[in-house]
Amino acid sequence: SENSTNNSTTANQDAKNIYIKHGLRPGHRYAISLVASNAIGESARGQELEILTEPDKPTEPLSLTVSTRTSTSFRMEWLPPEETGGLPVTYRLSCRQKNLDADQEWK
């Protein structure tokens, strides 16, 4: 049998109880322990396990703005991504010249 909620799934297969926790953050450590209970009460807390989730790619940088512009340069500013994916984040700027029609100007 299987029971699902928003962030977890429990199932019983071949006399093993299975629990799947969803919604964890990539590249983060979690401490996990388990207590059994019945109508009489709860057991002692079982052994605590520590897991490290797999890292993932970061979300996009935020609030990108050009704060200064000259005839030959510009200065950009941004905020880091909300999620780093559990790893240090580096940035790569892509800058290409856009073709303008003859009657268009930079604004």
C-alpha atoms as a PDB file:
ATOM      1  CA  SER A   1       0.000   0.000   0.000  1.00  0.00           C
ATOM      2  CA  GLU A   2       1.114   3.589  -0.620  1.00  0.00           C
ATOM      3  CA  ASN A   3       0.187   6.932   0.921  1.00  0.00           C
ATOM      4  CA  SER A   4       1.273  10.293  -0.565  1.00  0.00           C
ATOM      5  CA  THR A   5       1.254  13.845   0.737  1.00  0.00           C
ATOM      6  CA  ASN A   6       2.755  17.023  -0.772  1.00  0.00           C
ATOM      7  CA  ASN A   7       6.331  16.335   0.326  1.00  0.00           C
ATOM      8  CA  SER A   8       6.508  12.646   1.169  1.00  0.00           C
ATOM      9  CA  THR A   9       5.488   9.147   0.149  1.00  0.00           C
ATOM     10  CA  THR A  10       5.143   6.135   2.458  1.00  0.00           C
ATOM     11  CA  ALA A  11       4.746   2.559   1.316  1.00  0.00           C
ATOM     12  CA  ASN A  12       4.975  -0.990   2.621  1.00  0.00           C
ATOM     13  CA  GLN A  13       6.726  -3.440   0.292  1.00  0.00           C
ATOM     14  CA  ASP A  14       7.862  -6.944   1.241  1.00  0.00           C
ATOM     15  CA  ALA A  15       7.550  -6.202   5.001  1.00  0.00           C
ATOM     16  CA  LYS A  16       9.799  -3.127   4.657  1.00  0.00           C
ATOM     17  CA  ASN A  17       8.436   0.299   5.438  1.00  0.00           C
ATOM     18  CA  ILE A  18       9.500   2.909   2.911  1.00  0.00           C
ATOM     19  CA  TYR A  19       9.350   6.682   3.312  1.00  0.00           C
ATOM     20  CA  ILE A  20      10.378   9.135   0.602  1.00  0.00           C
ATOM     21  CA  LYS A  21      10.805  12.779   1.614  1.00  0.00           C
ATOM     22  CA  HIS A  22      10.495  15.306  -1.202  1.00  0.00           C
ATOM     23  CA  GLY A  23      11.194  19.033  -1.236  1.00  0.00           C
ATOM     24  CA  LEU A  24      14.704  18.933   0.272  1.00  0.00           C
ATOM     25  CA  ARG A  25      17.307  21.505  -0.781  1.00  0.00           C
ATOM     26  CA  PRO A  26      20.146  20.378  -3.071  1.00  0.00           C
ATOM     27  CA  GLY A  27      23.594  20.033  -1.481  1.00  0.00           C
ATOM     28  CA  HIS A  28      22.345  20.338   2.110  1.00  0.00           C
ATOM     29  CA  ARG A  29      22.854  18.093   5.159  1.00  0.00           C
ATOM     30  CA  TYR A  30      19.900  16.601   6.996  1.00  0.00           C
ATOM     31  CA  ALA A  31      19.698  14.598  10.237  1.00  0.00           C
ATOM     32  CA  ILE A  32      17.146  11.776  10.162  1.00  0.00           C
ATOM     33  CA  SER A  33      15.799   9.678  13.018  1.00  0.00           C
ATOM     34  CA  LEU A  34      12.761   7.501  13.541  1.00  0.00           C
ATOM     35  CA  VAL A  35      10.352   6.741  16.414  1.00  0.00           C
ATOM     36  CA  ALA A  36       7.862   3.843  16.394  1.00  0.00           C
ATOM     37  CA  SER A  37       4.512   4.337  18.101  1.00  0.00           C
ATOM     38  CA  ASN A  38       1.318   2.477  18.892  1.00  0.00           C
ATOM     39  CA  ALA A  39      -1.744   3.020  21.094  1.00  0.00           C
ATOM     40  CA  ILE A  40       0.378   2.604  24.255  1.00  0.00           C
ATOM     41  CA  GLY A  41       3.108   5.104  23.415  1.00  0.00           C
ATOM     42  CA  GLU A  42       6.344   5.789  21.575  1.00  0.00           C
ATOM     43  CA  SER A  43       9.648   3.953  21.391  1.00  0.00           C
ATOM     44  CA  ALA A  44      12.991   5.534  22.081  1.00  0.00           C
ATOM     45  CA  ARG A  45      14.373   7.513  19.161  1.00  0.00           C
ATOM     46  CA  GLY A  46      16.305   5.282  16.777  1.00  0.00           C
ATOM     47  CA  GLN A  47      19.801   5.871  15.469  1.00  0.00           C
ATOM     48  CA  GLU A  48      20.261   9.287  13.876  1.00  0.00           C
ATOM     49  CA  LEU A  49      21.550   9.235  10.313  1.00  0.00           C
ATOM     50  CA  GLU A  50      23.051  12.170   8.461  1.00  0.00           C
ATOM     51  CA  ILE A  51      22.574  12.539   4.728  1.00  0.00           C
ATOM     52  CA  LEU A  52      23.858  15.027   2.180  1.00  0.00           C
ATOM     53  CA  THR A  53      21.568  15.597  -0.780  1.00  0.00           C
ATOM     54  CA  GLU A  54      23.067  15.724  -4.258  1.00  0.00           C
ATOM     55  CA  PRO A  55      23.965  19.207  -5.550  1.00  0.00           C
ATOM     56  CA  ASP A  56      22.013  20.779  -8.417  1.00  0.00           C
ATOM     57  CA  LYS A  57      22.348  23.762 -10.738  1.00  0.00           C
ATOM     58  CA  PRO A  58      21.633  27.198  -9.205  1.00  0.00           C
ATOM     59  CA  THR A  59      18.578  29.299  -9.926  1.00  0.00           C
ATOM     60  CA  GLU A  60      19.072  32.422 -12.056  1.00  0.00           C
ATOM     61  CA  PRO A  61      20.799  35.580 -10.738  1.00  0.00           C
ATOM     62  CA  LEU A  62      18.354  38.262  -9.577  1.00  0.00           C
ATOM     63  CA  SER A  63      17.844  42.002 -10.129  1.00  0.00           C
ATOM     64  CA  LEU A  64      20.238  42.438 -13.055  1.00  0.00           C
ATOM     65  CA  THR A  65      20.802  46.142 -13.749  1.00  0.00           C
ATOM     66  CA  VAL A  66      23.267  48.319 -15.633  1.00  0.00           C
ATOM     67  CA  SER A  67      24.281  51.032 -13.180  1.00  0.00           C
ATOM     68  CA  THR A  68      26.862  52.957 -15.255  1.00  0.00           C
ATOM     69  CA  ARG A  69      27.377  53.218 -18.982  1.00  0.00           C
ATOM     70  CA  THR A  70      30.027  55.124 -20.990  1.00  0.00           C
ATOM     71  CA  SER A  71      30.831  55.153 -24.697  1.00  0.00           C
ATOM     72  CA  THR A  72      33.157  52.140 -24.211  1.00  0.00           C
ATOM     73  CA  SER A  73      32.030  50.334 -21.042  1.00  0.00           C
ATOM     74  CA  PHE A  74      29.238  49.472 -18.679  1.00  0.00           C
ATOM     75  CA  ARG A  75      28.897  48.326 -15.072  1.00  0.00           C
ATOM     76  CA  MET A  76      26.429  45.577 -14.131  1.00  0.00           C
ATOM     77  CA  GLU A  77      25.065  44.717 -10.732  1.00  0.00           C
ATOM     78  CA  TRP A  78      22.969  41.737  -9.583  1.00  0.00           C
ATOM     79  CA  LEU A  79      21.940  39.739  -6.566  1.00  0.00           C
ATOM     80  CA  PRO A  80      22.961  36.099  -6.113  1.00  0.00           C
ATOM     81  CA  PRO A  81      20.481  33.326  -6.931  1.00  0.00           C
ATOM     82  CA  GLU A  82      17.948  32.290  -4.304  1.00  0.00           C
ATOM     83  CA  GLU A  83      19.253  28.699  -4.497  1.00  0.00           C
ATOM     84  CA  THR A  84      22.933  27.923  -5.041  1.00  0.00           C
ATOM     85  CA  GLY A  85      22.290  24.228  -5.627  1.00  0.00           C
ATOM     86  CA  GLY A  86      24.526  23.478  -2.649  1.00  0.00           C
ATOM     87  CA  LEU A  87      27.776  24.517  -4.360  1.00  0.00           C
ATOM     88  CA  PRO A  88      29.755  27.772  -4.711  1.00  0.00           C
ATOM     89  CA  VAL A  89      28.378  29.879  -7.564  1.00  0.00           C
ATOM     90  CA  THR A  90      30.472  31.524 -10.267  1.00  0.00           C
ATOM     91  CA  TYR A  91      29.185  33.774 -13.027  1.00  0.00           C
ATOM     92  CA  ARG A  92      29.788  33.987 -16.776  1.00  0.00           C
ATOM     93  CA  LEU A  93      28.775  37.173 -18.577  1.00  0.00           C
ATOM     94  CA  SER A  94      27.583  36.950 -22.141  1.00  0.00           C
ATOM     95  CA  CYS A  95      27.871  40.165 -24.129  1.00  0.00           C
ATOM     96  CA  ARG A  96      27.131  40.421 -27.841  1.00  0.00           C
ATOM     97  CA  GLN A  97      26.561  43.338 -30.136  1.00  0.00           C
ATOM     98  CA  LYS A  98      23.032  43.615 -31.424  1.00  0.00           C
ATOM     99  CA  ASN A  99      22.604  44.808 -34.987  1.00  0.00           C
ATOM    100  CA  LEU A 100      20.738  48.073 -35.218  1.00  0.00           C
ATOM    101  CA  ASP A 101      18.853  49.377 -38.214  1.00  0.00           C
ATOM    102  CA  ALA A 102      20.406  52.503 -39.759  1.00  0.00           C
ATOM    103  CA  ASP A 103      17.685  54.774 -38.349  1.00  0.00           C
ATOM    104  CA  GLN A 104      17.806  53.343 -34.782  1.00  0.00           C
ATOM    105  CA  GLU A 105      19.866  54.859 -31.980  1.00  0.00           C
ATOM    106  CA  TRP A 106      21.095  53.577 -28.627  1.00  0.00           C
ATOM    107  CA  LYS A 107      18.756  54.710 -25.903  1.00  0.00           C
END
